[in-house]
Amino acid sequence: MTSKYRGGGHKKRYRIIDFKRDKFDVSAEVKSIEYDPNRTAFISLLE
């Protein structure tokens, strides 16, 4: 099935996010902040 004026969009790399991070007393350092095209937010890499 085809349709006019519907593009395929840009290829998106999926970022795996740990939503179950329950460590309150552990300190972490932010390594990088990057844009997530699959969500309307920026995500940060913690170490």
N, C-alpha and C. Protein backbone atom coordinates (compact mmCIF):
# COMPACT_ATOMS: atom_id res chain seq x y z
N MET A 1 0.85 -1.17 0.00
CA MET A 1 0.00 0.00 0.00
C MET A 1 0.90 1.24 0.00
N THR A 2 0.61 2.17 -0.83
CA THR A 2 1.38 3.41 -0.91
C THR A 2 0.45 4.59 -0.75
N SER A 3 1.03 5.71 -0.32
CA SER A 3 0.25 6.94 -0.21
C SER A 3 1.15 8.11 -0.55
N LYS A 4 0.56 9.13 -1.11
CA LYS A 4 1.33 10.31 -1.50
C LYS A 4 1.62 11.20 -0.30
N TYR A 5 2.73 11.90 -0.39
CA TYR A 5 3.11 12.94 0.55
C TYR A 5 3.34 12.42 1.97
N ARG A 6 3.70 11.16 2.11
CA ARG A 6 4.01 10.61 3.43
C ARG A 6 5.44 10.11 3.39
N GLY A 7 6.33 10.82 4.07
CA GLY A 7 7.72 10.43 4.07
C GLY A 7 8.01 9.35 5.09
N GLY A 8 9.15 8.74 4.96
CA GLY A 8 9.53 7.69 5.89
C GLY A 8 10.12 8.21 7.18
N GLY A 9 10.49 9.49 7.22
CA GLY A 9 11.09 10.04 8.42
C GLY A 9 12.57 9.71 8.49
N HIS A 10 13.19 10.17 9.54
CA HIS A 10 14.62 9.96 9.72
C HIS A 10 14.83 8.73 10.59
N LYS A 11 15.87 7.98 10.33
CA LYS A 11 16.17 6.78 11.12
C LYS A 11 16.58 7.20 12.53
N LYS A 12 15.98 6.54 13.53
CA LYS A 12 16.22 6.90 14.93
C LYS A 12 16.92 5.76 15.64
N ARG A 13 17.95 6.11 16.39
CA ARG A 13 18.64 5.11 17.20
C ARG A 13 17.95 5.08 18.56
N TYR A 14 17.51 3.90 18.99
CA TYR A 14 16.76 3.77 20.23
C TYR A 14 17.71 3.76 21.41
N ARG A 15 17.45 4.58 22.41
CA ARG A 15 18.28 4.63 23.61
C ARG A 15 17.60 3.84 24.71
N ILE A 16 18.32 2.94 25.33
CA ILE A 16 17.77 2.11 26.40
C ILE A 16 17.89 2.89 27.71
N ILE A 17 16.77 3.07 28.40
CA ILE A 17 16.72 3.87 29.61
C ILE A 17 16.32 2.99 30.78
N ASP A 18 17.03 3.13 31.89
CA ASP A 18 16.73 2.38 33.11
C ASP A 18 15.73 3.21 33.93
N PHE A 19 14.44 2.88 33.83
CA PHE A 19 13.42 3.62 34.57
C PHE A 19 13.29 3.14 36.00
N LYS A 20 13.88 2.00 36.35
CA LYS A 20 13.76 1.43 37.69
C LYS A 20 14.99 1.74 38.53
N ARG A 21 15.50 2.94 38.44
CA ARG A 21 16.70 3.33 39.18
C ARG A 21 16.27 3.83 40.55
N ASP A 22 16.36 2.97 41.57
CA ASP A 22 15.87 3.28 42.92
C ASP A 22 17.00 3.51 43.91
N LYS A 23 18.14 3.99 43.46
CA LYS A 23 19.28 4.17 44.34
C LYS A 23 19.32 5.62 44.81
N PHE A 24 18.89 5.87 46.05
CA PHE A 24 18.79 7.23 46.55
C PHE A 24 20.08 7.71 47.21
N ASP A 25 20.79 6.84 47.92
CA ASP A 25 21.98 7.25 48.68
C ASP A 25 23.27 7.09 47.90
N VAL A 26 23.21 6.78 46.62
CA VAL A 26 24.41 6.58 45.81
C VAL A 26 24.63 7.84 44.98
N SER A 27 25.84 8.38 45.06
CA SER A 27 26.13 9.57 44.25
C SER A 27 26.51 9.15 42.83
N ALA A 28 26.20 10.00 41.89
CA ALA A 28 26.49 9.72 40.48
C ALA A 28 26.98 10.99 39.81
N GLU A 29 27.71 10.81 38.72
CA GLU A 29 28.25 11.92 37.96
C GLU A 29 27.65 11.89 36.57
N VAL A 30 27.21 13.04 36.09
CA VAL A 30 26.62 13.13 34.75
C VAL A 30 27.75 13.15 33.73
N LYS A 31 27.75 12.15 32.84
CA LYS A 31 28.79 12.06 31.82
C LYS A 31 28.42 12.82 30.56
N SER A 32 27.17 12.70 30.12
CA SER A 32 26.75 13.42 28.92
C SER A 32 25.24 13.63 28.96
N ILE A 33 24.80 14.68 28.29
CA ILE A 33 23.38 14.98 28.11
C ILE A 33 23.13 15.01 26.61
N GLU A 34 22.16 14.21 26.16
CA GLU A 34 21.90 14.14 24.73
C GLU A 34 20.40 14.16 24.46
N TYR A 35 20.05 14.53 23.26
CA TYR A 35 18.66 14.61 22.84
C TYR A 35 18.14 13.22 22.50
N ASP A 36 16.92 12.93 22.90
CA ASP A 36 16.30 11.65 22.59
C ASP A 36 15.19 11.88 21.58
N PRO A 37 15.36 11.44 20.33
CA PRO A 37 14.34 11.71 19.31
C PRO A 37 13.06 10.90 19.49
N ASN A 38 13.08 9.86 20.33
CA ASN A 38 11.88 9.06 20.55
C ASN A 38 10.98 9.64 21.63
N ARG A 39 11.48 10.60 22.41
CA ARG A 39 10.72 11.23 23.48
C ARG A 39 10.86 12.74 23.35
N THR A 40 10.08 13.47 24.14
CA THR A 40 10.20 14.92 24.14
C THR A 40 11.02 15.35 25.34
N ALA A 41 12.21 14.80 25.47
CA ALA A 41 13.05 15.12 26.61
C ALA A 41 14.51 14.90 26.25
N PHE A 42 15.36 15.49 27.08
CA PHE A 42 16.78 15.19 27.01
C PHE A 42 17.06 14.11 28.04
N ILE A 43 18.03 13.25 27.76
CA ILE A 43 18.40 12.20 28.69
C ILE A 43 19.87 12.38 29.04
N SER A 44 20.25 11.91 30.21
CA SER A 44 21.64 12.05 30.64
C SER A 44 22.22 10.69 30.97
N LEU A 45 23.50 10.55 30.69
CA LEU A 45 24.23 9.33 31.00
C LEU A 45 24.91 9.53 32.33
N LEU A 46 24.61 8.66 33.31
CA LEU A 46 25.18 8.75 34.65
C LEU A 46 26.24 7.69 34.83
N GLU A 47 27.24 8.04 35.62
CA GLU A 47 28.27 7.04 35.97
C GLU A 47 28.48 7.05 37.45
